[in-house]
Amino acid sequence: MKRFSQLLLICLTGLVAYFIWDQFFPAKGAWHQKLTVEIETPTGPIAATNVVGVKFRGNIKFWGSMDHSRSRLEGEAIYVNLDGKPLFVLLGGAGDLLFWTLKRTQNDIGAYSQSIRRIKRQTSPIVVPRKLWPAMVTFGDVNDPSSVQAVNPNDLSATFGPGYAITGVTVQSTDEPVTEGVVEQVLGWLGPYPELPVLPEIDPYDFSFAAKLRQGQFIRRPN
């Protein structure tokens, strides 16, 4: 009986230790995430995609879901040439995109550890709500960063001409490799640090979209 009590105590101690470790130490998760932007063009529909690597580090799991977690990205923006004019779908918010899409469409997807598992299982495309679509930009001249212009995803034809429209955006988990080497070939002026501004010179009182744009919206290198 005494030996049984000792074994029971050891098991209970182990379970308590596991619970404390599992719930009160920050958890980590990583996956590859594929974004697809479907575009109607005068010559027919096309799909532009990228794959980014996402690394999540959560706060204390006991307190809830991934809402207060931090993400790091590796990869680059979507680039597509629309009749000689570039369209870039930026990286801002990409780390949280699959999580928030699931949360918006399926309400509560669980606490942190459950959220990670749910995200990794989402290998089929899921429609991204319009409010979660990434920002998009173009350049009058890809060699001149000061020529950057915001693109209205609701009215692609205003920038690219009649017949162009975004018809949908989807996101999913994937085993495909991270996209690399495309954006750097187009935007040769990108520097090594994501915090660098896109504009070469910024007025301290300029709070425009272009002035706030950072190079990390186009590319995030491994770190």
Foldseek 3Di string as FASTA:
>chain_A
DVVVVVVVVVVVVVVVVCCCCQQQAKDKAKFKKKKWWWKWAPVGIDIWMFIKIKIKTAHGQNVFARPRIDIDIAAFWTWDQHPNWIKTFWCVPVNCQLVVQCCVVVPDQITHVSSRVVQQPFADWDFGPPVSGGWMWTAPALAALVRIDTADQQCNCVPRNPGIHTPTMIMGTDPDDGDDDPLCVSNVPQDDDFAAQSHPDDDPPDPDPNRNHTSVRGGDHDD
